Amino acid sequence: EITSPTFNIIKEYNGELPLYHVDVY
């Protein structure tokens, strides 16, 4: 489940490695 982090700016996900999804728009 990946959603655009537009309102959170940074979203963290746990996978094989952590994934930090950043949207600075």
PDB file of all heavy atoms in Angstrom:
ATOM      1  N   GLU A   1       0.823  -1.212   0.000  1.00  0.00           N
ATOM      2  CA  GLU A   1       0.000   0.000   0.000  1.00  0.00           C
ATOM      3  C   GLU A   1       0.852   1.255   0.000  1.00  0.00           C
ATOM      4  O   GLU A   1       1.399   1.637   1.020  1.00  0.00           O
ATOM      5  CB  GLU A   1      -0.911   0.020   1.234  1.00  0.00           C
ATOM      6  CG  GLU A   1      -2.267  -0.604   1.014  1.00  0.00           C
ATOM      7  CD  GLU A   1      -3.005  -0.035  -0.189  1.00  0.00           C
ATOM      8  OE1 GLU A   1      -3.224   1.195  -0.254  1.00  0.00           O
ATOM      9  OE2 GLU A   1      -3.368  -0.836  -1.065  1.00  0.00           O
ATOM     10  N   ILE A   2       0.978   1.885  -1.135  1.00  0.00           N
ATOM     11  CA  ILE A   2       1.678   3.169  -1.195  1.00  0.00           C
ATOM     12  C   ILE A   2       0.644   4.224  -1.578  1.00  0.00           C
ATOM     13  O   ILE A   2      -0.091   4.058  -2.545  1.00  0.00           O
ATOM     14  CB  ILE A   2       2.794   3.147  -2.264  1.00  0.00           C
ATOM     15  CG1 ILE A   2       3.963   2.307  -1.802  1.00  0.00           C
ATOM     16  CG2 ILE A   2       3.259   4.550  -2.597  1.00  0.00           C
ATOM     17  CD1 ILE A   2       4.887   2.971  -0.829  1.00  0.00           C
ATOM     18  N   THR A   3       0.577   5.270  -0.792  1.00  0.00           N
ATOM     19  CA  THR A   3      -0.280   6.390  -1.151  1.00  0.00           C
ATOM     20  C   THR A   3       0.605   7.619  -1.231  1.00  0.00           C
ATOM     21  O   THR A   3       1.654   7.673  -0.595  1.00  0.00           O
ATOM     22  CB  THR A   3      -1.385   6.615  -0.100  1.00  0.00           C
ATOM     23  OG1 THR A   3      -0.767   6.779   1.179  1.00  0.00           O
ATOM     24  CG2 THR A   3      -2.349   5.445  -0.050  1.00  0.00           C
ATOM     25  N   SER A   4       0.198   8.573  -2.003  1.00  0.00           N
ATOM     26  CA  SER A   4       0.994   9.785  -2.127  1.00  0.00           C
ATOM     27  C   SER A   4       1.068  10.464  -0.759  1.00  0.00           C
ATOM     28  O   SER A   4       0.055  10.664  -0.102  1.00  0.00           O
ATOM     29  CB  SER A   4       0.371  10.729  -3.154  1.00  0.00           C
ATOM     30  OG  SER A   4       1.156  11.873  -3.253  1.00  0.00           O
ATOM     31  N   PRO A   5       2.278  10.808  -0.310  1.00  0.00           N
ATOM     32  CA  PRO A   5       2.425  11.401   1.032  1.00  0.00           C
ATOM     33  C   PRO A   5       2.185  12.905   1.051  1.00  0.00           C
ATOM     34  O   PRO A   5       2.651  13.589   1.944  1.00  0.00           O
ATOM     35  CB  PRO A   5       3.878  11.075   1.369  1.00  0.00           C
ATOM     36  CG  PRO A   5       4.566  11.079   0.055  1.00  0.00           C
ATOM     37  CD  PRO A   5       3.550  10.567  -0.959  1.00  0.00           C
ATOM     38  N   THR A   6       1.426  13.398   0.094  1.00  0.00           N
ATOM     39  CA  THR A   6       1.258  14.842  -0.065  1.00  0.00           C
ATOM     40  C   THR A   6       0.921  15.548   1.240  1.00  0.00           C
ATOM     41  O   THR A   6       1.452  16.603   1.537  1.00  0.00           O
ATOM     42  CB  THR A   6       0.164  15.131  -1.106  1.00  0.00           C
ATOM     43  OG1 THR A   6       0.559  14.506  -2.325  1.00  0.00           O
ATOM     44  CG2 THR A   6       0.023  16.608  -1.363  1.00  0.00           C
ATOM     45  N   PHE A   7       0.055  14.966   2.059  1.00  0.00           N
ATOM     46  CA  PHE A   7      -0.350  15.652   3.288  1.00  0.00           C
ATOM     47  C   PHE A   7       0.550  15.313   4.460  1.00  0.00           C
ATOM     48  O   PHE A   7       0.579  16.029   5.442  1.00  0.00           O
ATOM     49  CB  PHE A   7      -1.815  15.358   3.601  1.00  0.00           C
ATOM     50  CG  PHE A   7      -2.719  15.909   2.536  1.00  0.00           C
ATOM     51  CD1 PHE A   7      -3.318  15.077   1.620  1.00  0.00           C
ATOM     52  CD2 PHE A   7      -2.913  17.277   2.402  1.00  0.00           C
ATOM     53  CE1 PHE A   7      -4.124  15.581   0.604  1.00  0.00           C
ATOM     54  CE2 PHE A   7      -3.704  17.804   1.390  1.00  0.00           C
ATOM     55  CZ  PHE A   7      -4.317  16.949   0.495  1.00  0.00           C
ATOM     56  N   ASN A   8       1.289  14.212   4.376  1.00  0.00           N
ATOM     57  CA  ASN A   8       2.180  13.816   5.466  1.00  0.00           C
ATOM     58  C   ASN A   8       3.614  14.266   5.235  1.00  0.00           C
ATOM     59  O   ASN A   8       4.397  14.267   6.154  1.00  0.00           O
ATOM     60  CB  ASN A   8       2.191  12.295   5.629  1.00  0.00           C
ATOM     61  CG  ASN A   8       0.834  11.773   6.016  1.00  0.00           C
ATOM     62  OD1 ASN A   8      -0.132  12.009   5.310  1.00  0.00           O
ATOM     63  ND2 ASN A   8       0.753  11.069   7.120  1.00  0.00           N
ATOM     64  N   ILE A   9       3.963  14.573   4.011  1.00  0.00           N
ATOM     65  CA  ILE A   9       5.299  14.918   3.549  1.00  0.00           C
ATOM     66  C   ILE A   9       6.225  13.697   3.582  1.00  0.00           C
ATOM     67  O   ILE A   9       6.829  13.372   2.583  1.00  0.00           O
ATOM     68  CB  ILE A   9       5.914  16.126   4.276  1.00  0.00           C
ATOM     69  CG1 ILE A   9       4.996  17.342   4.085  1.00  0.00           C
ATOM     70  CG2 ILE A   9       7.303  16.441   3.729  1.00  0.00           C
ATOM     71  CD1 ILE A   9       5.418  18.567   4.850  1.00  0.00           C
ATOM     72  N   ILE A  10       6.319  13.001   4.721  1.00  0.00           N
ATOM     73  CA  ILE A  10       7.157  11.795   4.771  1.00  0.00           C
ATOM     74  C   ILE A  10       6.300  10.634   5.286  1.00  0.00           C
ATOM     75  O   ILE A  10       5.655  10.744   6.327  1.00  0.00           O
ATOM     76  CB  ILE A  10       8.365  11.977   5.717  1.00  0.00           C
ATOM     77  CG1 ILE A  10       9.245  13.135   5.255  1.00  0.00           C
ATOM     78  CG2 ILE A  10       9.181  10.680   5.785  1.00  0.00           C
ATOM     79  CD1 ILE A  10      10.365  13.489   6.212  1.00  0.00           C
ATOM     80  N   LYS A  11       6.307   9.533   4.526  1.00  0.00           N
ATOM     81  CA  LYS A  11       5.648   8.307   4.980  1.00  0.00           C
ATOM     82  C   LYS A  11       6.702   7.210   5.079  1.00  0.00           C
ATOM     83  O   LYS A  11       7.561   7.091   4.210  1.00  0.00           O
ATOM     84  CB  LYS A  11       4.552   7.876   4.004  1.00  0.00           C
ATOM     85  CG  LYS A  11       3.270   8.641   4.171  1.00  0.00           C
ATOM     86  CD  LYS A  11       2.135   7.951   3.431  1.00  0.00           C
ATOM     87  CE  LYS A  11       0.809   8.567   3.807  1.00  0.00           C
ATOM     88  NZ  LYS A  11      -0.296   7.931   3.082  1.00  0.00           N
ATOM     89  N   GLU A  12       6.607   6.433   6.139  1.00  0.00           N
ATOM     90  CA  GLU A  12       7.559   5.339   6.357  1.00  0.00           C
ATOM     91  C   GLU A  12       6.849   4.014   6.165  1.00  0.00           C
ATOM     92  O   GLU A  12       5.727   3.824   6.627  1.00  0.00           O
ATOM     93  CB  GLU A  12       8.136   5.413   7.773  1.00  0.00           C
ATOM     94  CG  GLU A  12       8.894   6.697   8.038  1.00  0.00           C
ATOM     95  CD  GLU A  12       9.553   6.721   9.418  1.00  0.00           C
ATOM     96  OE1 GLU A  12       9.809   5.633   9.985  1.00  0.00           O
ATOM     97  OE2 GLU A  12       9.802   7.825   9.920  1.00  0.00           O
ATOM     98  N   TYR A  13       7.521   3.103   5.450  1.00  0.00           N
ATOM     99  CA  TYR A  13       6.978   1.765   5.203  1.00  0.00           C
ATOM    100  C   TYR A  13       8.037   0.748   5.581  1.00  0.00           C
ATOM    101  O   TYR A  13       9.234   0.987   5.403  1.00  0.00           O
ATOM    102  CB  TYR A  13       6.630   1.584   3.720  1.00  0.00           C
ATOM    103  CG  TYR A  13       5.591   2.546   3.209  1.00  0.00           C
ATOM    104  CD1 TYR A  13       5.952   3.759   2.637  1.00  0.00           C
ATOM    105  CD2 TYR A  13       4.236   2.243   3.295  1.00  0.00           C
ATOM    106  CE1 TYR A  13       4.995   4.642   2.163  1.00  0.00           C
ATOM    107  CE2 TYR A  13       3.273   3.117   2.828  1.00  0.00           C
ATOM    108  CZ  TYR A  13       3.660   4.317   2.258  1.00  0.00           C
ATOM    109  OH  TYR A  13       2.709   5.173   1.786  1.00  0.00           O
ATOM    110  N   ASN A  14       7.595  -0.413   6.068  1.00  0.00           N
ATOM    111  CA  ASN A  14       8.516  -1.487   6.386  1.00  0.00           C
ATOM    112  C   ASN A  14       8.440  -2.548   5.309  1.00  0.00           C
ATOM    113  O   ASN A  14       7.373  -3.089   5.030  1.00  0.00           O
ATOM    114  CB  ASN A  14       8.199  -2.101   7.754  1.00  0.00           C
ATOM    115  CG  ASN A  14       8.519  -1.136   8.873  1.00  0.00           C
ATOM    116  OD1 ASN A  14       9.572  -0.512   8.860  1.00  0.00           O
ATOM    117  ND2 ASN A  14       7.622  -0.999   9.821  1.00  0.00           N
ATOM    118  N   GLY A  15       9.590  -2.825   4.694  1.00  0.00           N
ATOM    119  CA  GLY A  15       9.703  -3.861   3.682  1.00  0.00           C
ATOM    120  C   GLY A  15      11.010  -4.579   3.902  1.00  0.00           C
ATOM    121  O   GLY A  15      11.489  -4.675   5.028  1.00  0.00           O
ATOM    122  N   GLU A  16      11.614  -5.080   2.820  1.00  0.00           N
ATOM    123  CA  GLU A  16      12.928  -5.727   2.940  1.00  0.00           C
ATOM    124  C   GLU A  16      13.924  -4.766   3.578  1.00  0.00           C
ATOM    125  O   GLU A  16      14.787  -5.172   4.346  1.00  0.00           O
ATOM    126  CB  GLU A  16      13.424  -6.146   1.560  1.00  0.00           C
ATOM    127  CG  GLU A  16      12.570  -7.214   0.915  1.00  0.00           C
ATOM    128  CD  GLU A  16      12.908  -7.404  -0.560  1.00  0.00           C
ATOM    129  OE1 GLU A  16      13.957  -6.919  -1.016  1.00  0.00           O
ATOM    130  OE2 GLU A  16      12.112  -8.041  -1.249  1.00  0.00           O
ATOM    131  N   LEU A  17      13.812  -3.515   3.230  1.00  0.00           N
ATOM    132  CA  LEU A  17      14.485  -2.407   3.904  1.00  0.00           C
ATOM    133  C   LEU A  17      13.385  -1.397   4.198  1.00  0.00           C
ATOM    134  O   LEU A  17      12.355  -1.403   3.528  1.00  0.00           O
ATOM    135  CB  LEU A  17      15.523  -1.737   2.989  1.00  0.00           C
ATOM    136  CG  LEU A  17      16.812  -2.457   2.661  1.00  0.00           C
ATOM    137  CD1 LEU A  17      17.609  -1.666   1.615  1.00  0.00           C
ATOM    138  CD2 LEU A  17      17.657  -2.657   3.900  1.00  0.00           C
ATOM    139  N   PRO A  18      13.583  -0.509   5.163  1.00  0.00           N
ATOM    140  CA  PRO A  18      12.586   0.555   5.334  1.00  0.00           C
ATOM    141  C   PRO A  18      12.540   1.415   4.070  1.00  0.00           C
ATOM    142  O   PRO A  18      13.565   1.629   3.418  1.00  0.00           O
ATOM    143  CB  PRO A  18      13.119   1.363   6.518  1.00  0.00           C
ATOM    144  CG  PRO A  18      14.100   0.472   7.204  1.00  0.00           C
ATOM    145  CD  PRO A  18      14.654  -0.443   6.152  1.00  0.00           C
ATOM    146  N   LEU A  19      11.360   1.890   3.733  1.00  0.00           N
ATOM    147  CA  LEU A  19      11.191   2.807   2.609  1.00  0.00           C
ATOM    148  C   LEU A  19      10.632   4.110   3.155  1.00  0.00           C
ATOM    149  O   LEU A  19       9.623   4.111   3.859  1.00  0.00           O
ATOM    150  CB  LEU A  19      10.228   2.230   1.557  1.00  0.00           C
ATOM    151  CG  LEU A  19       9.884   3.181   0.396  1.00  0.00           C
ATOM    152  CD1 LEU A  19      11.124   3.481  -0.444  1.00  0.00           C
ATOM    153  CD2 LEU A  19       8.788   2.578  -0.475  1.00  0.00           C
ATOM    154  N   TYR A  20      11.324   5.202   2.847  1.00  0.00           N
ATOM    155  CA  TYR A  20      10.883   6.524   3.261  1.00  0.00           C
ATOM    156  C   TYR A  20      10.437   7.261   1.999  1.00  0.00           C
ATOM    157  O   TYR A  20      11.257   7.575   1.139  1.00  0.00           O
ATOM    158  CB  TYR A  20      12.017   7.274   3.972  1.00  0.00           C
ATOM    159  CG  TYR A  20      12.640   6.450   5.072  1.00  0.00           C
ATOM    160  CD1 TYR A  20      13.960   6.036   5.000  1.00  0.00           C
ATOM    161  CD2 TYR A  20      11.880   6.042   6.166  1.00  0.00           C
ATOM    162  CE1 TYR A  20      14.525   5.255   5.992  1.00  0.00           C
ATOM    163  CE2 TYR A  20      12.430   5.258   7.166  1.00  0.00           C
ATOM    164  CZ  TYR A  20      13.753   4.866   7.071  1.00  0.00           C
ATOM    165  OH  TYR A  20      14.294   4.086   8.056  1.00  0.00           O
ATOM    166  N   HIS A  21       9.146   7.492   1.892  1.00  0.00           N
ATOM    167  CA  HIS A  21       8.563   8.140   0.712  1.00  0.00           C
ATOM    168  C   HIS A  21       8.293   9.591   1.072  1.00  0.00           C
ATOM    169  O   HIS A  21       7.501   9.873   1.963  1.00  0.00           O
ATOM    170  CB  HIS A  21       7.275   7.402   0.326  1.00  0.00           C
ATOM    171  CG  HIS A  21       6.645   7.898  -0.928  1.00  0.00           C
ATOM    172  ND1 HIS A  21       5.319   7.663  -1.220  1.00  0.00           N
ATOM    173  CD2 HIS A  21       7.129   8.598  -1.974  1.00  0.00           C
ATOM    174  CE1 HIS A  21       5.037   8.220  -2.394  1.00  0.00           C
ATOM    175  NE2 HIS A  21       6.115   8.786  -2.869  1.00  0.00           N
ATOM    176  N   VAL A  22       8.961  10.492   0.385  1.00  0.00           N
ATOM    177  CA  VAL A  22       8.920  11.911   0.714  1.00  0.00           C
ATOM    178  C   VAL A  22       8.322  12.672  -0.468  1.00  0.00           C
ATOM    179  O   VAL A  22       8.702  12.435  -1.615  1.00  0.00           O
ATOM    180  CB  VAL A  22      10.349  12.449   1.006  1.00  0.00           C
ATOM    181  CG1 VAL A  22      10.304  13.911   1.413  1.00  0.00           C
ATOM    182  CG2 VAL A  22      11.048  11.600   2.057  1.00  0.00           C
ATOM    183  N   ASP A  23       7.389  13.567  -0.187  1.00  0.00           N
ATOM    184  CA  ASP A  23       6.821  14.426  -1.218  1.00  0.00           C
ATOM    185  C   ASP A  23       6.926  15.859  -0.708  1.00  0.00           C
ATOM    186  O   ASP A  23       6.216  16.240   0.222  1.00  0.00           O
ATOM    187  CB  ASP A  23       5.365  14.038  -1.486  1.00  0.00           C
ATOM    188  CG  ASP A  23       4.741  14.817  -2.633  1.00  0.00           C
ATOM    189  OD1 ASP A  23       5.161  15.977  -2.871  1.00  0.00           O
ATOM    190  OD2 ASP A  23       3.831  14.290  -3.274  1.00  0.00           O
ATOM    191  N   VAL A  24       7.817  16.641  -1.306  1.00  0.00           N
ATOM    192  CA  VAL A  24       8.060  17.999  -0.805  1.00  0.00           C
ATOM    193  C   VAL A  24       7.275  19.060  -1.579  1.00  0.00           C
ATOM    194  O   VAL A  24       7.493  20.253  -1.392  1.00  0.00           O
ATOM    195  CB  VAL A  24       9.576  18.343  -0.799  1.00  0.00           C
ATOM    196  CG1 VAL A  24      10.318  17.414   0.146  1.00  0.00           C
ATOM    197  CG2 VAL A  24      10.178  18.292  -2.188  1.00  0.00           C
ATOM    198  N   TYR A  25       6.328  18.631  -2.410  1.00  0.00           N
ATOM    199  CA  TYR A  25       5.587  19.572  -3.261  1.00  0.00           C
ATOM    200  C   TYR A  25       4.950  20.703  -2.457  1.00  0.00           C
ATOM    201  O   TYR A  25       5.035  21.855  -2.822  1.00  0.00           O
ATOM    202  CB  TYR A  25       4.525  18.824  -4.064  1.00  0.00           C
ATOM    203  CG  TYR A  25       3.778  19.701  -5.034  1.00  0.00           C
ATOM    204  CD1 TYR A  25       4.401  20.174  -6.185  1.00  0.00           C
ATOM    205  CD2 TYR A  25       2.461  20.068  -4.810  1.00  0.00           C
ATOM    206  CE1 TYR A  25       3.732  20.991  -7.087  1.00  0.00           C
ATOM    207  CE2 TYR A  25       1.781  20.879  -5.702  1.00  0.00           C
ATOM    208  CZ  TYR A  25       2.429  21.332  -6.845  1.00  0.00           C
ATOM    209  OH  TYR A  25       1.762  22.141  -7.728  1.00  0.00           O
TER     210      TYR A  25
END
